[in-house]
Protein backbone atom coordinates (compact mmCIF):
# COMPACT_ATOMS: atom_id res chain seq x y z
CA MET A 1 14.66 17.47 -9.07
CA SER A 2 16.04 18.39 -12.39
CA LYS A 3 14.60 21.09 -14.63
CA GLU A 4 13.94 18.33 -17.15
CA TYR A 5 12.03 16.23 -14.64
CA GLN A 6 9.75 19.18 -13.84
CA THR A 7 9.11 19.97 -17.45
CA GLY A 8 8.10 16.36 -17.99
CA TYR A 9 5.91 16.54 -15.00
CA TYR A 10 3.97 19.45 -16.21
CA ALA A 11 3.65 17.77 -19.65
CA TYR A 12 2.38 14.67 -17.97
CA GLN A 13 -0.20 16.60 -16.09
CA ALA A 14 -1.43 18.10 -19.23
CA GLY A 15 -1.79 14.82 -20.83
CA ASP A 16 1.14 14.99 -23.23
CA TYR A 17 2.72 11.70 -22.22
CA VAL A 18 5.03 11.58 -25.18
CA ARG A 19 6.70 14.99 -24.23
CA ALA A 20 6.76 13.81 -20.70
CA GLN A 21 8.61 10.72 -21.72
CA SER A 22 11.08 12.68 -23.75
CA PHE A 23 12.07 14.99 -20.97
CA TRP A 24 12.04 12.40 -18.27
CA HIS A 25 14.34 10.21 -20.45
CA LEU A 26 16.82 13.15 -20.55
CA ALA A 27 16.78 13.48 -16.84
CA ALA A 28 16.85 9.82 -16.29
CA GLN A 29 19.98 9.48 -18.29
CA GLU A 30 21.57 11.97 -15.95
CA ASN A 31 20.68 9.71 -12.98
CA ASP A 32 17.75 11.71 -11.63
CA PRO A 33 15.99 9.08 -9.61
CA TYR A 34 12.67 11.13 -9.73
CA ALA A 35 12.70 10.97 -13.47
CA GLN A 36 13.61 7.14 -13.54
CA TYR A 37 10.79 6.50 -11.24
CA ALA A 38 8.35 8.57 -13.30
CA LEU A 39 9.41 6.72 -16.40
CA GLY A 40 8.82 3.49 -14.61
CA LEU A 41 5.33 4.51 -13.83
CA LEU A 42 4.81 5.61 -17.34
CA TYR A 43 5.69 2.28 -18.67
CA PHE A 44 4.08 0.26 -15.78
CA ARG A 45 0.68 2.05 -16.37
CA GLY A 46 0.83 1.95 -20.05
CA ASP A 47 0.38 5.61 -20.61
CA LEU A 48 1.91 5.33 -24.07
CA GLY A 49 -0.32 2.44 -24.96
CA ALA A 50 0.13 -1.12 -23.60
CA PRO A 51 2.11 -1.62 -20.42
CA GLU A 52 5.73 -2.20 -20.92
CA TYR A 53 6.84 -4.03 -17.81
CA GLU A 54 10.33 -4.93 -18.79
CA MET A 55 11.05 -1.10 -19.38
CA ALA A 56 9.24 -0.22 -16.05
CA ALA A 57 11.47 -2.76 -14.17
CA GLU A 58 14.60 -1.46 -15.67
CA TRP A 59 13.83 2.25 -14.56
CA PHE A 60 12.35 1.30 -11.18
CA GLY A 61 15.47 -0.79 -10.70
CA LYS A 62 17.70 2.34 -11.41
CA ALA A 63 15.82 4.56 -9.12
CA ALA A 64 15.77 1.97 -6.31
CA LYS A 65 19.53 1.88 -6.32
CA THR A 66 19.26 5.47 -5.08
CA ASN A 67 16.89 4.23 -2.18
CA HIS A 68 13.84 5.69 -3.96
CA GLY A 69 11.15 4.23 -1.85
CA GLY A 70 8.37 4.32 -4.48
CA ALA A 71 10.52 2.63 -7.04
CA THR A 72 11.51 -0.13 -4.40
CA TYR A 73 7.90 -0.70 -3.66
CA TYR A 74 7.03 -1.10 -7.41
CA LEU A 75 9.85 -3.66 -7.83
CA GLY A 76 8.03 -5.66 -5.05
CA LEU A 77 4.69 -5.28 -6.77
CA MET A 78 6.20 -6.44 -10.05
CA HIS A 79 7.67 -9.58 -8.51
CA PHE A 80 4.26 -10.05 -6.77
CA ASN A 81 2.56 -10.34 -10.02
CA GLY A 82 5.24 -11.57 -12.26
CA PHE A 83 5.16 -8.35 -14.37
CA GLY A 84 8.44 -7.80 -16.09
CA LEU A 85 10.28 -9.72 -13.26
CA PRO A 86 10.21 -13.27 -12.14
CA TYR A 87 7.09 -14.16 -10.12
CA ASP A 88 8.56 -14.46 -6.70
CA HIS A 89 6.77 -13.67 -3.50
CA PHE A 90 9.96 -13.97 -1.37
CA GLN A 91 11.59 -11.18 -3.48
CA ALA A 92 8.30 -9.19 -3.35
CA THR A 93 8.27 -9.27 0.37
CA LYS A 94 11.84 -8.27 0.51
CA TYR A 95 11.26 -5.22 -1.66
CA PHE A 96 7.97 -4.29 0.24
CA LYS A 97 9.90 -4.35 3.54
CA ARG A 98 12.84 -2.37 2.11
CA ALA A 99 10.26 0.31 0.76
CA LEU A 100 8.76 0.56 4.19
CA ARG A 101 12.07 1.07 5.77
CA ILE A 102 12.81 3.88 3.35
CA ASP A 103 9.40 5.46 3.92
CA PRO A 104 7.72 4.43 7.20
CA HIS A 105 4.47 6.13 6.00
CA ASN A 106 4.23 3.93 2.89
CA ALA A 107 0.80 2.40 3.73
CA ASN A 108 0.72 0.42 0.58
CA ALA A 109 3.87 -1.33 1.55
CA ALA A 110 2.82 -1.92 5.05
CA TYR A 111 -0.51 -3.42 3.89
CA MET A 112 1.19 -5.73 1.34
CA ILE A 113 3.61 -7.14 4.04
CA GLY A 114 0.72 -7.64 6.37
CA ALA A 115 -1.09 -9.53 3.66
CA GLN A 116 1.95 -11.55 2.81
CA TYR A 117 2.12 -12.63 6.54
CA PHE A 118 -1.56 -13.18 6.87
CA HIS A 119 -1.60 -15.54 3.81
CA GLY A 120 1.77 -17.02 4.25
CA ARG A 121 3.01 -15.84 0.86
CA GLY A 122 6.72 -15.32 0.63
CA VAL A 123 6.92 -15.70 4.43
CA ARG A 124 5.88 -18.09 6.92
CA GLN A 125 2.31 -17.39 7.98
CA ASN A 126 2.42 -15.32 11.16
CA PHE A 127 -0.57 -13.41 12.42
CA VAL A 128 1.54 -11.39 14.90
CA GLU A 129 3.41 -9.98 12.11
CA ALA A 130 0.41 -9.54 9.95
CA ALA A 131 -1.28 -7.56 12.79
CA HIS A 132 1.84 -5.43 13.25
CA TYR A 133 1.96 -4.33 9.61
CA PHE A 134 -1.68 -3.90 9.20
CA GLU A 135 -1.69 -1.58 12.08
CA ILE A 136 1.05 0.55 10.52
CA ALA A 137 -1.13 0.95 7.55
CA ALA A 138 -4.29 1.39 9.53
CA ASN A 139 -2.57 4.31 11.37
CA GLU A 140 -1.97 5.96 7.95
CA ASN A 141 -5.76 5.75 7.34
CA MET A 142 -5.85 2.91 4.80
CA HIS A 143 -9.31 1.59 5.31
CA ALA A 144 -8.66 -1.86 4.07
CA ALA A 145 -5.84 -2.19 6.64
CA GLN A 146 -8.20 -0.77 9.40
CA PHE A 147 -10.62 -3.57 8.44
CA MET A 148 -8.08 -6.22 8.58
CA PHE A 149 -6.59 -5.01 11.86
CA GLY A 150 -10.13 -4.79 13.50
CA ALA A 151 -10.99 -8.43 12.21
CA LEU A 152 -7.71 -9.74 13.76
CA LEU A 153 -8.50 -7.94 17.07
CA GLU A 154 -12.10 -9.37 17.01
CA ARG A 155 -10.76 -12.97 16.55
CA GLY A 156 -7.61 -12.58 18.66
CA TRP A 157 -5.33 -13.55 15.79
CA GLY A 158 -1.78 -12.21 16.35
CA VAL A 159 -3.06 -9.77 19.00
CA LYS A 160 -4.99 -9.99 22.30
CA GLN A 161 -8.77 -10.30 21.55
CA ASN A 162 -10.42 -6.88 22.21
CA TYR A 163 -13.91 -6.20 20.83
CA ALA A 164 -13.86 -2.47 21.67
CA ASP A 165 -10.64 -1.87 19.90
CA ALA A 166 -11.89 -4.13 17.00
CA TYR A 167 -15.10 -1.93 16.87
CA TYR A 168 -13.05 1.21 16.90
CA TRP A 169 -10.98 0.08 13.79
CA LEU A 170 -13.95 -1.21 12.01
CA ARG A 171 -15.78 2.07 12.41
CA ARG A 172 -12.72 3.74 11.09
CA ALA A 173 -12.78 1.41 7.98
CA ALA A 174 -16.41 2.17 7.44
CA ARG A 175 -15.62 5.83 7.10
CA GLY A 176 -14.25 5.56 3.63
CA PRO A 177 -14.09 3.27 0.53
CA ILE A 178 -12.22 0.07 0.95
CA THR A 179 -9.60 0.20 -1.71
CA PHE A 180 -6.58 -2.00 -2.08
CA PRO A 181 -2.93 -1.26 -3.37
CA GLU A 182 -2.65 -1.27 -7.08
CA GLY A 183 -2.11 -5.01 -8.17
CA ALA A 184 -2.71 -6.44 -4.75
CA ASN A 185 -5.17 -8.95 -6.35
CA GLU A 186 -7.40 -9.08 -3.30
CA ALA A 187 -10.53 -11.00 -4.41
CA GLU A 188 -12.57 -11.14 -1.23
CA PRO A 189 -14.62 -7.98 -0.61
CA LEU A 190 -14.39 -6.46 2.80
CA ASN A 191 -17.77 -5.17 4.28
CA PRO A 192 -17.30 -3.08 7.50
CA LYS A 193 -21.09 -2.65 7.95
CA THR A 194 -21.79 -6.33 8.07
CA ALA A 195 -18.74 -6.85 10.41
CA LEU A 196 -19.94 -4.05 12.79
CA ASP A 197 -23.47 -5.41 12.79
CA ALA A 198 -22.14 -8.80 13.96
CA LEU A 199 -19.82 -7.38 16.49
CA GLU A 200 -21.94 -4.56 18.13
CA PRO A 201 -24.15 -7.08 20.12
CA ARG A 202 -20.96 -8.33 21.91
CA LEU A 203 -20.26 -4.88 23.34
CA ARG A 204 -21.72 -3.11 26.48
CA PRO A 205 -23.32 0.23 25.88
CA GLU A 206 -20.52 2.06 27.84
CA GLU A 207 -17.86 0.41 25.54
CA ILE A 208 -19.59 1.77 22.52
CA GLN A 209 -19.79 5.13 24.08
CA ARG A 210 -16.06 5.14 24.68
CA VAL A 211 -15.42 4.22 21.15
CA GLU A 212 -17.62 7.06 20.05
CA LYS A 213 -15.60 9.44 22.16
CA ARG A 214 -12.43 8.13 20.75
CA LEU A 215 -13.80 8.60 17.17
CA ALA A 216 -14.86 12.17 18.02
CA LEU A 217 -11.37 12.88 19.31
CA ASP A 218 -9.91 11.55 16.11
CA ALA A 219 -12.16 13.81 14.07
CA THR A 220 -11.12 16.96 16.05
CA GLY A 221 -7.47 15.94 16.26
């Protein structure tokens, strides 16, 4: 990270977006991918006024050439929504997958790939692949992914049906707020409590006890 990037970062944290832009632009011109990514976010979020998606795409593109995972993910998100780049779910999925390869802990990328496979957007619908990617995001403690993975386990879509495992993941989902990646455009609300109330009667008391122990071990580990 360049000195100019760090100065811009402190300015941004202080709410001085114009100063941040000035220093990040200097660093970005010297091919600092952190500054290029930061500029992309600045324009994407409209910190200087209205969002400037074309500018965001330009700077994300420069950072992505250096395998910056965040910038690569946002290129996918921009194709997903048609913000500053052509609306193209095939390209969106391609960038999400590349972002996840760069950073295997990118829960947002994993969730978005899972959603693409679940809905059949930009890829052929495939519940096996959807479950695989939702599980990755679920293990990163993304509650929306935990809900989706639990729902697939309950129904046996893409994975072997397992009510106890479904109950475990839905309980995990119920621990925190269900939030989606920025720009995911998920319209259907997810309600873990309702899902748990419907699933619990299908489980034996000893199965619920085993899930309780598993959750307790998660909390202590």
